Amino acid sequence: MTDGALDIILLALVAGFILLRLRSVLGRRTGHERPPTRPVEDNVLPLPDRRPKDGAPAPVVDLPAGSPVAAGLARIKMADAGFDDAEFVGGSKAAYEMIVGAFAAGDLDTLRSMLAPEVLTGFRQAIEDRQKAGHKLETTVKAIRAAEIIEADLRGTMAEVTVKFVSDLVNVTRDAGGQLISGAPNVAEEVTDIWTFSRNTRSSDPNWTLIGTATPA
């Protein structure tokens, strides 16, 4: 056997060994594989960027093990193993900014995709009243100081999570001619909102829907 033939045999053996190693690591596709499991973040409101504006991680509030909120979250996790409350809070903050911005802009398409019908009705009415008056609302979220889960439960297959937001908002209303009616462009006020989100844990749709809004008494 010549040296050239021996080299070819050795290369073939090496190539075969590498192929076997790749198969053991990557597996072989047969056409009958299950679809890939959705990542954890798909179980929260899937929005562009959940990081705070300053780049710092969102604060995580440790809940007492025996609290009603912790018990409610545990029930949700039993129904949806992919649910993560810290990830959910991050997604809810992004949703809060998007919904507040869409309301100010009168963007009903965005609101329709994120709000339950009964909540959308109230938002739509407020937008129409504003437009009839010829007013324009400008809202800027300067900061979300806190986002805390204050209620959580599983009602049948429906997960419901209520979040208390404390934010600094700049709200300015102008008339049709651009004259200032209320607010100040450079002055933010602290606003507290309580929003409830819901999702069917049996649904393949990862989106959460805003089903209720309130302000503290």
C-alpha atoms as a PDB file:
ATOM      1  CA  MET A   1       0.000   0.000   0.000  1.00  0.00           C
ATOM      2  CA  THR A   2       1.396   3.383  -0.967  1.00  0.00           C
ATOM      3  CA  ASP A   3       1.785   6.315   1.399  1.00  0.00           C
ATOM      4  CA  GLY A   4      -0.889   8.210  -0.570  1.00  0.00           C
ATOM      5  CA  ALA A   5      -3.445   5.430  -0.138  1.00  0.00           C
ATOM      6  CA  LEU A   6      -2.666   5.208   3.572  1.00  0.00           C
ATOM      7  CA  ASP A   7      -3.224   8.961   3.937  1.00  0.00           C
ATOM      8  CA  ILE A   8      -6.616   8.691   2.222  1.00  0.00           C
ATOM      9  CA  ILE A   9      -7.700   5.874   4.573  1.00  0.00           C
ATOM     10  CA  LEU A  10      -6.609   7.865   7.640  1.00  0.00           C
ATOM     11  CA  LEU A  11      -8.478  10.966   6.441  1.00  0.00           C
ATOM     12  CA  ALA A  12     -11.618   8.883   5.862  1.00  0.00           C
ATOM     13  CA  LEU A  13     -11.412   7.454   9.376  1.00  0.00           C
ATOM     14  CA  VAL A  14     -10.975  10.934  10.866  1.00  0.00           C
ATOM     15  CA  ALA A  15     -13.893  12.301   8.830  1.00  0.00           C
ATOM     16  CA  GLY A  16     -16.105   9.411   9.943  1.00  0.00           C
ATOM     17  CA  PHE A  17     -15.204   9.992  13.586  1.00  0.00           C
ATOM     18  CA  ILE A  18     -16.015  13.710  13.321  1.00  0.00           C
ATOM     19  CA  LEU A  19     -19.380  12.951  11.666  1.00  0.00           C
ATOM     20  CA  LEU A  20     -20.311  10.541  14.469  1.00  0.00           C
ATOM     21  CA  ARG A  21     -19.387  13.147  17.088  1.00  0.00           C
ATOM     22  CA  LEU A  22     -21.515  15.793  15.360  1.00  0.00           C
ATOM     23  CA  ARG A  23     -24.497  13.437  15.225  1.00  0.00           C
ATOM     24  CA  SER A  24     -24.145  12.651  18.926  1.00  0.00           C
ATOM     25  CA  VAL A  25     -24.141  16.370  19.786  1.00  0.00           C
ATOM     26  CA  LEU A  26     -26.687  17.751  17.296  1.00  0.00           C
ATOM     27  CA  GLY A  27     -28.889  14.722  16.706  1.00  0.00           C
ATOM     28  CA  ARG A  28     -30.495  13.696  13.460  1.00  0.00           C
ATOM     29  CA  ARG A  29     -33.664  15.267  12.056  1.00  0.00           C
ATOM     30  CA  THR A  30     -36.249  12.669  11.060  1.00  0.00           C
ATOM     31  CA  GLY A  31     -39.146  14.960  10.185  1.00  0.00           C
ATOM     32  CA  HIS A  32     -41.125  13.909  13.298  1.00  0.00           C
ATOM     33  CA  GLU A  33     -39.520  16.135  15.953  1.00  0.00           C
ATOM     34  CA  ARG A  34     -41.653  18.215  18.304  1.00  0.00           C
ATOM     35  CA  PRO A  35     -41.558  21.955  17.700  1.00  0.00           C
ATOM     36  CA  PRO A  36     -39.004  23.741  19.905  1.00  0.00           C
ATOM     37  CA  THR A  37     -40.256  24.785  23.329  1.00  0.00           C
ATOM     38  CA  ARG A  38     -40.967  28.507  23.598  1.00  0.00           C
ATOM     39  CA  PRO A  39     -38.356  30.407  25.608  1.00  0.00           C
ATOM     40  CA  VAL A  40     -39.377  31.677  29.046  1.00  0.00           C
ATOM     41  CA  GLU A  41     -39.629  35.268  27.869  1.00  0.00           C
ATOM     42  CA  ASP A  42     -42.414  34.296  25.452  1.00  0.00           C
ATOM     43  CA  ASN A  43     -44.637  33.797  28.480  1.00  0.00           C
ATOM     44  CA  VAL A  44     -44.546  37.481  29.298  1.00  0.00           C
ATOM     45  CA  LEU A  45     -45.707  40.401  27.277  1.00  0.00           C
ATOM     46  CA  PRO A  46     -43.436  40.127  24.238  1.00  0.00           C
ATOM     47  CA  LEU A  47     -42.263  43.670  23.676  1.00  0.00           C
ATOM     48  CA  PRO A  48     -39.135  45.294  22.278  1.00  0.00           C
ATOM     49  CA  ASP A  49     -36.934  46.046  25.283  1.00  0.00           C
ATOM     50  CA  ARG A  50     -37.679  45.184  28.862  1.00  0.00           C
ATOM     51  CA  ARG A  51     -34.561  46.830  30.317  1.00  0.00           C
ATOM     52  CA  PRO A  52     -34.989  50.058  32.308  1.00  0.00           C
ATOM     53  CA  LYS A  53     -33.767  53.159  30.499  1.00  0.00           C
ATOM     54  CA  ASP A  54     -30.693  53.406  32.734  1.00  0.00           C
ATOM     55  CA  GLY A  55     -29.675  49.843  31.892  1.00  0.00           C
ATOM     56  CA  ALA A  56     -29.972  48.646  35.487  1.00  0.00           C
ATOM     57  CA  PRO A  57     -31.723  45.332  36.131  1.00  0.00           C
ATOM     58  CA  ALA A  58     -35.336  45.506  37.206  1.00  0.00           C
ATOM     59  CA  PRO A  59     -35.683  45.221  40.995  1.00  0.00           C
ATOM     60  CA  VAL A  60     -37.072  41.899  42.168  1.00  0.00           C
ATOM     61  CA  VAL A  61     -39.342  41.910  45.201  1.00  0.00           C
ATOM     62  CA  ASP A  62     -39.050  38.814  47.381  1.00  0.00           C
ATOM     63  CA  LEU A  63     -42.523  37.708  48.407  1.00  0.00           C
ATOM     64  CA  PRO A  64     -43.208  35.950  51.726  1.00  0.00           C
ATOM     65  CA  ALA A  65     -43.615  32.245  51.039  1.00  0.00           C
ATOM     66  CA  GLY A  66     -47.045  32.082  52.641  1.00  0.00           C
ATOM     67  CA  SER A  67     -48.493  35.287  51.177  1.00  0.00           C
ATOM     68  CA  PRO A  68     -51.625  35.216  48.972  1.00  0.00           C
ATOM     69  CA  VAL A  69     -49.582  36.647  46.089  1.00  0.00           C
ATOM     70  CA  ALA A  70     -46.941  33.914  46.387  1.00  0.00           C
ATOM     71  CA  ALA A  71     -49.672  31.278  46.539  1.00  0.00           C
ATOM     72  CA  GLY A  72     -51.330  32.728  43.435  1.00  0.00           C
ATOM     73  CA  LEU A  73     -48.043  32.791  41.532  1.00  0.00           C
ATOM     74  CA  ALA A  74     -47.399  29.184  42.551  1.00  0.00           C
ATOM     75  CA  ARG A  75     -50.767  28.159  41.085  1.00  0.00           C
ATOM     76  CA  ILE A  76     -49.936  29.955  37.836  1.00  0.00           C
ATOM     77  CA  LYS A  77     -46.561  28.212  37.657  1.00  0.00           C
ATOM     78  CA  MET A  78     -48.244  24.829  38.133  1.00  0.00           C
ATOM     79  CA  ALA A  79     -50.455  25.565  35.117  1.00  0.00           C
ATOM     80  CA  ASP A  80     -47.651  27.144  33.071  1.00  0.00           C
ATOM     81  CA  ALA A  81     -44.181  25.847  33.891  1.00  0.00           C
ATOM     82  CA  GLY A  82     -42.601  28.540  31.723  1.00  0.00           C
ATOM     83  CA  PHE A  83     -44.021  31.428  33.757  1.00  0.00           C
ATOM     84  CA  ASP A  84     -41.426  33.496  35.617  1.00  0.00           C
ATOM     85  CA  ASP A  85     -42.632  36.386  37.768  1.00  0.00           C
ATOM     86  CA  ALA A  86     -39.421  38.421  37.454  1.00  0.00           C
ATOM     87  CA  GLU A  87     -39.550  38.143  33.658  1.00  0.00           C
ATOM     88  CA  PHE A  88     -43.240  39.011  33.766  1.00  0.00           C
ATOM     89  CA  VAL A  89     -42.583  42.219  35.716  1.00  0.00           C
ATOM     90  CA  GLY A  90     -39.979  43.238  33.148  1.00  0.00           C
ATOM     91  CA  GLY A  91     -42.433  42.624  30.328  1.00  0.00           C
ATOM     92  CA  SER A  92     -45.227  44.469  32.130  1.00  0.00           C
ATOM     93  CA  LYS A  93     -43.036  47.572  32.437  1.00  0.00           C
ATOM     94  CA  ALA A  94     -42.415  47.551  28.698  1.00  0.00           C
ATOM     95  CA  ALA A  95     -46.149  47.045  28.097  1.00  0.00           C
ATOM     96  CA  TYR A  96     -46.969  49.955  30.402  1.00  0.00           C
ATOM     97  CA  GLU A  97     -44.758  52.313  28.391  1.00  0.00           C
ATOM     98  CA  MET A  98     -46.135  51.085  25.073  1.00  0.00           C
ATOM     99  CA  ILE A  99     -49.788  51.384  26.130  1.00  0.00           C
ATOM    100  CA  VAL A 100     -49.317  54.818  27.692  1.00  0.00           C
ATOM    101  CA  GLY A 101     -47.595  56.006  24.510  1.00  0.00           C
ATOM    102  CA  ALA A 102     -50.249  54.493  22.234  1.00  0.00           C
ATOM    103  CA  PHE A 103     -53.029  56.153  24.239  1.00  0.00           C
ATOM    104  CA  ALA A 104     -51.378  59.557  23.951  1.00  0.00           C
ATOM    105  CA  ALA A 105     -50.868  59.071  20.205  1.00  0.00           C
ATOM    106  CA  GLY A 106     -54.417  57.779  19.657  1.00  0.00           C
ATOM    107  CA  ASP A 107     -52.948  54.559  18.241  1.00  0.00           C
ATOM    108  CA  LEU A 108     -55.972  52.271  18.417  1.00  0.00           C
ATOM    109  CA  ASP A 109     -54.321  49.487  16.418  1.00  0.00           C
ATOM    110  CA  THR A 110     -51.648  49.015  19.085  1.00  0.00           C
ATOM    111  CA  LEU A 111     -54.175  49.320  21.904  1.00  0.00           C
ATOM    112  CA  ARG A 112     -56.498  46.791  20.233  1.00  0.00           C
ATOM    113  CA  SER A 113     -53.707  44.198  20.223  1.00  0.00           C
ATOM    114  CA  MET A 114     -52.953  44.617  23.923  1.00  0.00           C
ATOM    115  CA  LEU A 115     -56.253  45.489  25.648  1.00  0.00           C
ATOM    116  CA  ALA A 116     -59.351  43.473  26.452  1.00  0.00           C
ATOM    117  CA  PRO A 117     -62.465  44.762  24.601  1.00  0.00           C
ATOM    118  CA  GLU A 118     -64.012  46.370  27.681  1.00  0.00           C
ATOM    119  CA  VAL A 119     -60.779  48.211  28.517  1.00  0.00           C
ATOM    120  CA  LEU A 120     -60.329  49.245  24.896  1.00  0.00           C
ATOM    121  CA  THR A 121     -63.825  50.786  24.929  1.00  0.00           C
ATOM    122  CA  GLY A 122     -62.841  53.185  27.716  1.00  0.00           C
ATOM    123  CA  PHE A 123     -59.557  54.105  26.070  1.00  0.00           C
ATOM    124  CA  ARG A 124     -61.247  54.646  22.707  1.00  0.00           C
ATOM    125  CA  GLN A 125     -63.907  56.908  24.241  1.00  0.00           C
ATOM    126  CA  ALA A 126     -61.272  59.070  25.927  1.00  0.00           C
ATOM    127  CA  ILE A 127     -59.322  59.357  22.666  1.00  0.00           C
ATOM    128  CA  GLU A 128     -62.454  60.298  20.696  1.00  0.00           C
ATOM    129  CA  ASP A 129     -63.451  62.923  23.287  1.00  0.00           C
ATOM    130  CA  ARG A 130     -59.970  64.414  23.076  1.00  0.00           C
ATOM    131  CA  GLN A 131     -60.018  64.493  19.291  1.00  0.00           C
ATOM    132  CA  LYS A 132     -63.481  66.085  19.177  1.00  0.00           C
ATOM    133  CA  ALA A 133     -62.209  68.847  21.425  1.00  0.00           C
ATOM    134  CA  GLY A 134     -59.252  69.359  19.095  1.00  0.00           C
ATOM    135  CA  HIS A 135     -56.788  68.549  21.847  1.00  0.00           C
ATOM    136  CA  LYS A 136     -53.493  66.736  21.570  1.00  0.00           C
ATOM    137  CA  LEU A 137     -51.932  64.781  24.432  1.00  0.00           C
ATOM    138  CA  GLU A 138     -48.173  64.419  24.768  1.00  0.00           C
ATOM    139  CA  THR A 139     -46.995  61.867  27.329  1.00  0.00           C
ATOM    140  CA  THR A 140     -43.431  60.926  28.190  1.00  0.00           C
ATOM    141  CA  VAL A 141     -42.524  58.194  30.661  1.00  0.00           C
ATOM    142  CA  LYS A 142     -39.452  59.624  32.368  1.00  0.00           C
ATOM    143  CA  ALA A 143     -39.002  56.664  34.700  1.00  0.00           C
ATOM    144  CA  ILE A 144     -40.810  53.686  36.163  1.00  0.00           C
ATOM    145  CA  ARG A 145     -39.811  53.847  39.806  1.00  0.00           C
ATOM    146  CA  ALA A 146     -41.485  50.623  40.839  1.00  0.00           C
ATOM    147  CA  ALA A 147     -43.418  47.728  39.352  1.00  0.00           C
ATOM    148  CA  GLU A 148     -44.701  45.283  41.954  1.00  0.00           C
ATOM    149  CA  ILE A 149     -47.022  42.299  41.679  1.00  0.00           C
ATOM    150  CA  ILE A 150     -49.742  42.889  44.267  1.00  0.00           C
ATOM    151  CA  GLU A 151     -52.250  40.191  43.251  1.00  0.00           C
ATOM    152  CA  ALA A 152     -52.010  36.913  41.356  1.00  0.00           C
ATOM    153  CA  ASP A 153     -54.369  33.999  40.856  1.00  0.00           C
ATOM    154  CA  LEU A 154     -55.436  31.254  38.496  1.00  0.00           C
ATOM    155  CA  ARG A 155     -59.151  31.237  37.610  1.00  0.00           C
ATOM    156  CA  GLY A 156     -59.765  28.022  35.737  1.00  0.00           C
ATOM    157  CA  THR A 157     -57.176  28.189  32.976  1.00  0.00           C
ATOM    158  CA  MET A 158     -56.909  31.992  33.090  1.00  0.00           C
ATOM    159  CA  ALA A 159     -53.889  33.452  34.871  1.00  0.00           C
ATOM    160  CA  GLU A 160     -54.427  36.945  36.273  1.00  0.00           C
ATOM    161  CA  VAL A 161     -51.612  39.128  37.592  1.00  0.00           C
ATOM    162  CA  THR A 162     -52.048  42.639  38.970  1.00  0.00           C
ATOM    163  CA  VAL A 163     -49.107  45.032  38.951  1.00  0.00           C
ATOM    164  CA  LYS A 164     -48.748  48.325  40.789  1.00  0.00           C
ATOM    165  CA  PHE A 165     -46.730  50.843  38.763  1.00  0.00           C
ATOM    166  CA  VAL A 166     -45.219  54.005  40.204  1.00  0.00           C
ATOM    167  CA  SER A 167     -43.907  56.206  37.406  1.00  0.00           C
ATOM    168  CA  ASP A 168     -42.769  59.720  36.617  1.00  0.00           C
ATOM    169  CA  LEU A 169     -44.852  61.022  33.706  1.00  0.00           C
ATOM    170  CA  VAL A 170     -44.781  64.264  31.762  1.00  0.00           C
ATOM    171  CA  ASN A 171     -48.329  64.942  30.530  1.00  0.00           C
ATOM    172  CA  VAL A 172     -48.926  67.944  28.288  1.00  0.00           C
ATOM    173  CA  THR A 173     -52.227  68.841  26.581  1.00  0.00           C
ATOM    174  CA  ARG A 174     -52.287  71.321  23.704  1.00  0.00           C
ATOM    175  CA  ASP A 175     -55.094  72.760  21.605  1.00  0.00           C
ATOM    176  CA  ALA A 176     -55.381  72.513  17.826  1.00  0.00           C
ATOM    177  CA  GLY A 177     -53.072  75.491  17.435  1.00  0.00           C
ATOM    178  CA  GLY A 178     -50.386  73.976  19.646  1.00  0.00           C
ATOM    179  CA  GLN A 179     -51.075  76.252  22.602  1.00  0.00           C
ATOM    180  CA  LEU A 180     -50.523  74.742  26.033  1.00  0.00           C
ATOM    181  CA  ILE A 181     -53.734  73.870  27.882  1.00  0.00           C
ATOM    182  CA  SER A 182     -52.403  71.875  30.818  1.00  0.00           C
ATOM    183  CA  GLY A 183     -49.174  70.375  32.096  1.00  0.00           C
ATOM    184  CA  ALA A 184     -45.610  71.547  31.703  1.00  0.00           C
ATOM    185  CA  PRO A 185     -43.183  70.110  29.124  1.00  0.00           C
ATOM    186  CA  ASN A 186     -40.331  69.794  31.616  1.00  0.00           C
ATOM    187  CA  VAL A 187     -42.230  68.842  34.759  1.00  0.00           C
ATOM    188  CA  ALA A 188     -42.892  65.202  35.634  1.00  0.00           C
ATOM    189  CA  GLU A 189     -45.457  64.098  38.164  1.00  0.00           C
ATOM    190  CA  GLU A 190     -45.503  60.864  40.110  1.00  0.00           C
ATOM    191  CA  VAL A 191     -48.372  58.635  38.985  1.00  0.00           C
ATOM    192  CA  THR A 192     -49.533  55.348  40.493  1.00  0.00           C
ATOM    193  CA  ASP A 193     -51.471  52.910  38.314  1.00  0.00           C
ATOM    194  CA  ILE A 194     -52.784  49.439  39.094  1.00  0.00           C
ATOM    195  CA  TRP A 195     -53.141  47.230  36.024  1.00  0.00           C
ATOM    196  CA  THR A 196     -54.335  43.636  35.746  1.00  0.00           C
ATOM    197  CA  PHE A 197     -53.095  41.359  32.969  1.00  0.00           C
ATOM    198  CA  SER A 198     -54.553  37.998  31.952  1.00  0.00           C
ATOM    199  CA  ARG A 199     -53.558  35.032  29.802  1.00  0.00           C
ATOM    200  CA  ASN A 200     -55.046  31.617  29.066  1.00  0.00           C
ATOM    201  CA  THR A 201     -52.410  29.138  30.244  1.00  0.00           C
ATOM    202  CA  ARG A 202     -53.741  26.528  27.794  1.00  0.00           C
ATOM    203  CA  SER A 203     -53.348  28.823  24.799  1.00  0.00           C
ATOM    204  CA  SER A 204     -50.411  28.700  22.416  1.00  0.00           C
ATOM    205  CA  ASP A 205     -50.629  32.494  22.228  1.00  0.00           C
ATOM    206  CA  PRO A 206     -47.917  33.867  24.570  1.00  0.00           C
ATOM    207  CA  ASN A 207     -49.447  37.346  24.803  1.00  0.00           C
ATOM    208  CA  TRP A 208     -50.902  38.765  27.998  1.00  0.00           C
ATOM    209  CA  THR A 209     -53.902  41.104  27.779  1.00  0.00           C
ATOM    210  CA  LEU A 210     -54.659  44.154  29.915  1.00  0.00           C
ATOM    211  CA  ILE A 211     -58.093  43.431  31.428  1.00  0.00           C
ATOM    212  CA  GLY A 212     -58.376  46.139  34.077  1.00  0.00           C
ATOM    213  CA  THR A 213     -56.961  49.487  35.194  1.00  0.00           C
ATOM    214  CA  ALA A 214     -57.368  51.374  38.450  1.00  0.00           C
ATOM    215  CA  THR A 215     -55.787  54.057  40.598  1.00  0.00           C
ATOM    216  CA  PRO A 216     -55.346  53.855  44.367  1.00  0.00           C
ATOM    217  CA  ALA A 217     -58.203  55.330  46.391  1.00  0.00           C
END
